[in-house]
């Protein structure tokens, strides 16, 4: 995944929604593979939230969001997004049951996420929890292809 060492999102680096080829490309639907459960806990501490560095930018979470460990990768998921996309399979273990829509990026760029921003490189996946390109994030191609499989629409 593209993570520029001396680069600021304040520069002229394009956001995903500002690049015409991304807006026009069709999204494909995917489901998380059944063997790709995550460990998660809801952040119920009496806090205002916290910030952390990930995906080349500052990420933020709030009280009630979820702290997720996904095959060695730890991040947060907004509370409303987690509740509508994950299902508990055992104490502390969850599987993402909702479909995602994704496309392969053809250029380096950045995407606004609910937690902050995320940089991506050509060949990475732009992934959305909603078909209308909302609630998006990025994933390296090898990780995405290990975790998700395409869905054939009826």
C-alpha atoms as a PDB file:
ATOM      1  CA  UNK A   1       0.000   0.000   0.000  1.00  0.00           C
ATOM      2  CA  UNK A   2       1.330   3.447  -0.895  1.00  0.00           C
ATOM      3  CA  UNK A   3       2.449   5.375   2.190  1.00  0.00           C
ATOM      4  CA  UNK A   4       4.540   8.422   1.271  1.00  0.00           C
ATOM      5  CA  UNK A   5       7.170   9.206   3.891  1.00  0.00           C
ATOM      6  CA  UNK A   6       7.294  12.978   3.404  1.00  0.00           C
ATOM      7  CA  UNK A   7       3.855  13.631   2.052  1.00  0.00           C
ATOM      8  CA  UNK A   8       0.888  15.468   3.541  1.00  0.00           C
ATOM      9  CA  UNK A   9      -2.742  15.013   2.577  1.00  0.00           C
ATOM     10  CA  UNK A  10      -2.887  18.821   2.498  1.00  0.00           C
ATOM     11  CA  UNK A  11      -0.880  18.825  -0.745  1.00  0.00           C
ATOM     12  CA  UNK A  12      -2.330  18.258  -4.209  1.00  0.00           C
ATOM     13  CA  UNK A  13      -2.472  14.475  -3.805  1.00  0.00           C
ATOM     14  CA  UNK A  14      -5.927  13.482  -5.157  1.00  0.00           C
ATOM     15  CA  UNK A  15      -8.620  11.931  -2.990  1.00  0.00           C
ATOM     16  CA  UNK A  16     -10.412   8.915  -4.474  1.00  0.00           C
ATOM     17  CA  UNK A  17     -13.648  10.832  -4.979  1.00  0.00           C
ATOM     18  CA  UNK A  18     -11.800  13.500  -7.007  1.00  0.00           C
ATOM     19  CA  UNK A  19     -10.422  11.117  -9.652  1.00  0.00           C
ATOM     20  CA  UNK A  20     -12.794  10.658 -12.620  1.00  0.00           C
ATOM     21  CA  UNK A  21     -11.693   7.100 -13.495  1.00  0.00           C
ATOM     22  CA  UNK A  22     -12.587   5.898 -10.011  1.00  0.00           C
ATOM     23  CA  UNK A  23     -16.055   7.433 -10.136  1.00  0.00           C
ATOM     24  CA  UNK A  24     -16.852   5.729 -13.449  1.00  0.00           C
ATOM     25  CA  UNK A  25     -15.475   2.230 -12.926  1.00  0.00           C
ATOM     26  CA  UNK A  26     -18.012  -0.448 -11.974  1.00  0.00           C
ATOM     27  CA  UNK A  27     -17.824  -1.909  -8.497  1.00  0.00           C
ATOM     28  CA  UNK A  28     -17.772  -5.664  -7.950  1.00  0.00           C
ATOM     29  CA  UNK A  29     -19.534  -7.269  -4.993  1.00  0.00           C
ATOM     30  CA  UNK A  30     -17.585  -9.464  -2.532  1.00  0.00           C
ATOM     31  CA  UNK A  31     -18.198 -11.430   0.664  1.00  0.00           C
ATOM     32  CA  UNK A  32     -15.686 -12.146   3.399  1.00  0.00           C
ATOM     33  CA  UNK A  33     -14.479 -15.744   3.321  1.00  0.00           C
ATOM     34  CA  UNK A  34     -16.019 -17.883   6.076  1.00  0.00           C
ATOM     35  CA  UNK A  35     -12.610 -18.634   7.617  1.00  0.00           C
ATOM     36  CA  UNK A  36     -11.777 -14.921   8.116  1.00  0.00           C
ATOM     37  CA  UNK A  37     -13.089 -14.225  11.632  1.00  0.00           C
ATOM     38  CA  UNK A  38     -11.754 -11.276  13.633  1.00  0.00           C
ATOM     39  CA  UNK A  39     -11.322 -10.638  17.333  1.00  0.00           C
ATOM     40  CA  UNK A  40     -13.130  -7.486  18.450  1.00  0.00           C
ATOM     41  CA  UNK A  41     -14.141  -5.599  21.556  1.00  0.00           C
ATOM     42  CA  UNK A  42     -16.349  -2.553  21.856  1.00  0.00           C
ATOM     43  CA  UNK A  43     -14.673   0.482  23.423  1.00  0.00           C
ATOM     44  CA  UNK A  44     -16.997   1.191  26.352  1.00  0.00           C
ATOM     45  CA  UNK A  45     -14.533   3.099  28.534  1.00  0.00           C
ATOM     46  CA  UNK A  46     -15.594   6.579  29.634  1.00  0.00           C
ATOM     47  CA  UNK A  47     -13.343   8.379  27.124  1.00  0.00           C
ATOM     48  CA  UNK A  48     -13.727  10.988  24.407  1.00  0.00           C
ATOM     49  CA  UNK A  49     -12.026   8.617  21.971  1.00  0.00           C
ATOM     50  CA  UNK A  50      -8.436   8.459  20.802  1.00  0.00           C
ATOM     51  CA  UNK A  51      -6.260   8.932  17.740  1.00  0.00           C
ATOM     52  CA  UNK A  52      -3.638   6.630  16.246  1.00  0.00           C
ATOM     53  CA  UNK A  53      -1.354   6.527  13.210  1.00  0.00           C
ATOM     54  CA  UNK A  54      -2.246   3.967  10.521  1.00  0.00           C
ATOM     55  CA  UNK A  55      -2.469   3.718   6.720  1.00  0.00           C
ATOM     56  CA  UNK A  56      -0.252   6.775   6.290  1.00  0.00           C
ATOM     57  CA  UNK A  57      -2.495   9.150   8.256  1.00  0.00           C
ATOM     58  CA  UNK A  58      -4.009   9.968  11.637  1.00  0.00           C
ATOM     59  CA  UNK A  59      -7.067   7.822  12.440  1.00  0.00           C
ATOM     60  CA  UNK A  60      -9.689   8.616  15.096  1.00  0.00           C
ATOM     61  CA  UNK A  61     -12.189   6.552  17.050  1.00  0.00           C
ATOM     62  CA  UNK A  62     -14.943   7.352  19.524  1.00  0.00           C
ATOM     63  CA  UNK A  63     -16.429   5.782  22.622  1.00  0.00           C
ATOM     64  CA  UNK A  64     -18.602   2.895  21.418  1.00  0.00           C
ATOM     65  CA  UNK A  65     -16.470   2.084  18.360  1.00  0.00           C
ATOM     66  CA  UNK A  66     -14.902  -1.342  18.017  1.00  0.00           C
ATOM     67  CA  UNK A  67     -11.230  -2.297  18.350  1.00  0.00           C
ATOM     68  CA  UNK A  68     -10.581  -5.063  15.803  1.00  0.00           C
ATOM     69  CA  UNK A  69      -7.657  -7.477  15.439  1.00  0.00           C
ATOM     70  CA  UNK A  70      -7.699  -8.995  11.965  1.00  0.00           C
ATOM     71  CA  UNK A  71      -4.911 -11.514  11.282  1.00  0.00           C
ATOM     72  CA  UNK A  72      -2.251  -9.332  12.960  1.00  0.00           C
ATOM     73  CA  UNK A  73      -3.685  -6.032  11.738  1.00  0.00           C
ATOM     74  CA  UNK A  74      -5.329  -3.888  14.459  1.00  0.00           C
ATOM     75  CA  UNK A  75      -7.688  -0.979  13.713  1.00  0.00           C
ATOM     76  CA  UNK A  76     -11.000   0.529  14.797  1.00  0.00           C
ATOM     77  CA  UNK A  77     -14.441   0.338  13.187  1.00  0.00           C
ATOM     78  CA  UNK A  78     -17.210   2.880  13.791  1.00  0.00           C
ATOM     79  CA  UNK A  79     -19.931   1.499  16.069  1.00  0.00           C
ATOM     80  CA  UNK A  80     -22.818   1.782  13.596  1.00  0.00           C
ATOM     81  CA  UNK A  81     -20.789   0.229  10.785  1.00  0.00           C
ATOM     82  CA  UNK A  82     -19.656  -2.702  12.956  1.00  0.00           C
ATOM     83  CA  UNK A  83     -23.178  -3.495  14.173  1.00  0.00           C
ATOM     84  CA  UNK A  84     -24.587  -3.589  10.628  1.00  0.00           C
ATOM     85  CA  UNK A  85     -21.758  -5.565   9.004  1.00  0.00           C
ATOM     86  CA  UNK A  86     -20.489  -8.097  11.594  1.00  0.00           C
ATOM     87  CA  UNK A  87     -22.063 -11.101  13.349  1.00  0.00           C
ATOM     88  CA  UNK A  88     -20.773 -12.680  16.563  1.00  0.00           C
ATOM     89  CA  UNK A  89     -19.756 -16.339  16.129  1.00  0.00           C
ATOM     90  CA  UNK A  90     -18.301 -16.909  19.621  1.00  0.00           C
ATOM     91  CA  UNK A  91     -17.298 -14.710  22.569  1.00  0.00           C
ATOM     92  CA  UNK A  92     -15.045 -11.969  21.185  1.00  0.00           C
ATOM     93  CA  UNK A  93     -15.006 -13.453  17.650  1.00  0.00           C
ATOM     94  CA  UNK A  94     -16.909 -11.969  14.728  1.00  0.00           C
ATOM     95  CA  UNK A  95     -17.303 -12.530  11.009  1.00  0.00           C
ATOM     96  CA  UNK A  96     -18.170  -9.831   8.524  1.00  0.00           C
ATOM     97  CA  UNK A  97     -21.425 -11.004   6.945  1.00  0.00           C
ATOM     98  CA  UNK A  98     -22.423  -7.952   4.912  1.00  0.00           C
ATOM     99  CA  UNK A  99     -21.159  -7.680   1.339  1.00  0.00           C
ATOM    100  CA  UNK A 100     -18.637  -5.066   0.258  1.00  0.00           C
ATOM    101  CA  UNK A 101     -18.180  -3.442  -3.130  1.00  0.00           C
ATOM    102  CA  UNK A 102     -14.658  -2.974  -4.442  1.00  0.00           C
ATOM    103  CA  UNK A 103     -12.497  -1.948  -7.355  1.00  0.00           C
ATOM    104  CA  UNK A 104      -8.795  -2.015  -8.103  1.00  0.00           C
ATOM    105  CA  UNK A 105      -7.115   1.399  -8.036  1.00  0.00           C
ATOM    106  CA  UNK A 106      -5.310   2.317 -11.252  1.00  0.00           C
ATOM    107  CA  UNK A 107      -3.378   5.236  -9.702  1.00  0.00           C
ATOM    108  CA  UNK A 108      -1.878   6.139  -6.318  1.00  0.00           C
ATOM    109  CA  UNK A 109      -4.172   8.260  -4.177  1.00  0.00           C
ATOM    110  CA  UNK A 110      -5.946   8.672  -0.856  1.00  0.00           C
ATOM    111  CA  UNK A 111      -9.478   8.046   0.357  1.00  0.00           C
ATOM    112  CA  UNK A 112     -11.392   9.701   3.186  1.00  0.00           C
ATOM    113  CA  UNK A 113     -12.509   7.087   5.689  1.00  0.00           C
ATOM    114  CA  UNK A 114     -14.796   7.376   8.682  1.00  0.00           C
ATOM    115  CA  UNK A 115     -11.722   7.263  10.911  1.00  0.00           C
ATOM    116  CA  UNK A 116      -9.457   9.579   8.893  1.00  0.00           C
ATOM    117  CA  UNK A 117      -7.685   9.106   5.564  1.00  0.00           C
ATOM    118  CA  UNK A 118      -5.952   6.142   3.976  1.00  0.00           C
ATOM    119  CA  UNK A 119      -3.349   6.152   1.210  1.00  0.00           C
ATOM    120  CA  UNK A 120      -3.393   3.532  -1.522  1.00  0.00           C
ATOM    121  CA  UNK A 121      -1.237   2.569  -4.470  1.00  0.00           C
ATOM    122  CA  UNK A 122      -2.087   1.404  -7.968  1.00  0.00           C
ATOM    123  CA  UNK A 123      -3.240  -2.208  -7.656  1.00  0.00           C
ATOM    124  CA  UNK A 124      -4.666  -1.828  -4.140  1.00  0.00           C
ATOM    125  CA  UNK A 125      -8.393  -2.264  -3.586  1.00  0.00           C
ATOM    126  CA  UNK A 126     -10.804   0.552  -2.787  1.00  0.00           C
ATOM    127  CA  UNK A 127     -13.470  -1.133  -0.665  1.00  0.00           C
ATOM    128  CA  UNK A 128     -16.892   0.216   0.324  1.00  0.00           C
ATOM    129  CA  UNK A 129     -19.447  -1.061   2.829  1.00  0.00           C
ATOM    130  CA  UNK A 130     -22.165   0.538   0.687  1.00  0.00           C
ATOM    131  CA  UNK A 131     -22.693   0.158  -3.040  1.00  0.00           C
ATOM    132  CA  UNK A 132     -22.920   3.959  -3.432  1.00  0.00           C
ATOM    133  CA  UNK A 133     -19.199   4.277  -2.556  1.00  0.00           C
ATOM    134  CA  UNK A 134     -19.844   5.325   1.052  1.00  0.00           C
ATOM    135  CA  UNK A 135     -18.060   4.051   4.179  1.00  0.00           C
ATOM    136  CA  UNK A 136     -14.902   3.259   2.211  1.00  0.00           C
ATOM    137  CA  UNK A 137     -11.394   2.084   3.032  1.00  0.00           C
ATOM    138  CA  UNK A 138      -8.375   0.608   1.250  1.00  0.00           C
ATOM    139  CA  UNK A 139      -6.666  -2.772   1.287  1.00  0.00           C
ATOM    140  CA  UNK A 140      -3.530  -4.160  -0.326  1.00  0.00           C
ATOM    141  CA  UNK A 141      -4.468  -6.586  -3.111  1.00  0.00           C
ATOM    142  CA  UNK A 142      -2.896  -9.678  -1.514  1.00  0.00           C
ATOM    143  CA  UNK A 143      -4.736  -9.089   1.779  1.00  0.00           C
ATOM    144  CA  UNK A 144      -8.068  -8.326   0.107  1.00  0.00           C
ATOM    145  CA  UNK A 145      -7.894 -11.411  -2.127  1.00  0.00           C
ATOM    146  CA  UNK A 146      -7.055 -13.618   0.885  1.00  0.00           C
ATOM    147  CA  UNK A 147     -10.032 -12.281   2.876  1.00  0.00           C
ATOM    148  CA  UNK A 148     -12.753 -11.796   0.248  1.00  0.00           C
ATOM    149  CA  UNK A 149     -14.294 -13.715  -2.620  1.00  0.00           C
ATOM    150  CA  UNK A 150     -16.378 -12.340  -5.490  1.00  0.00           C
ATOM    151  CA  UNK A 151     -20.151 -12.841  -5.412  1.00  0.00           C
ATOM    152  CA  UNK A 152     -22.084 -13.681  -8.541  1.00  0.00           C
ATOM    153  CA  UNK A 153     -25.240 -11.600  -8.644  1.00  0.00           C
ATOM    154  CA  UNK A 154     -28.385 -13.564  -9.605  1.00  0.00           C
END
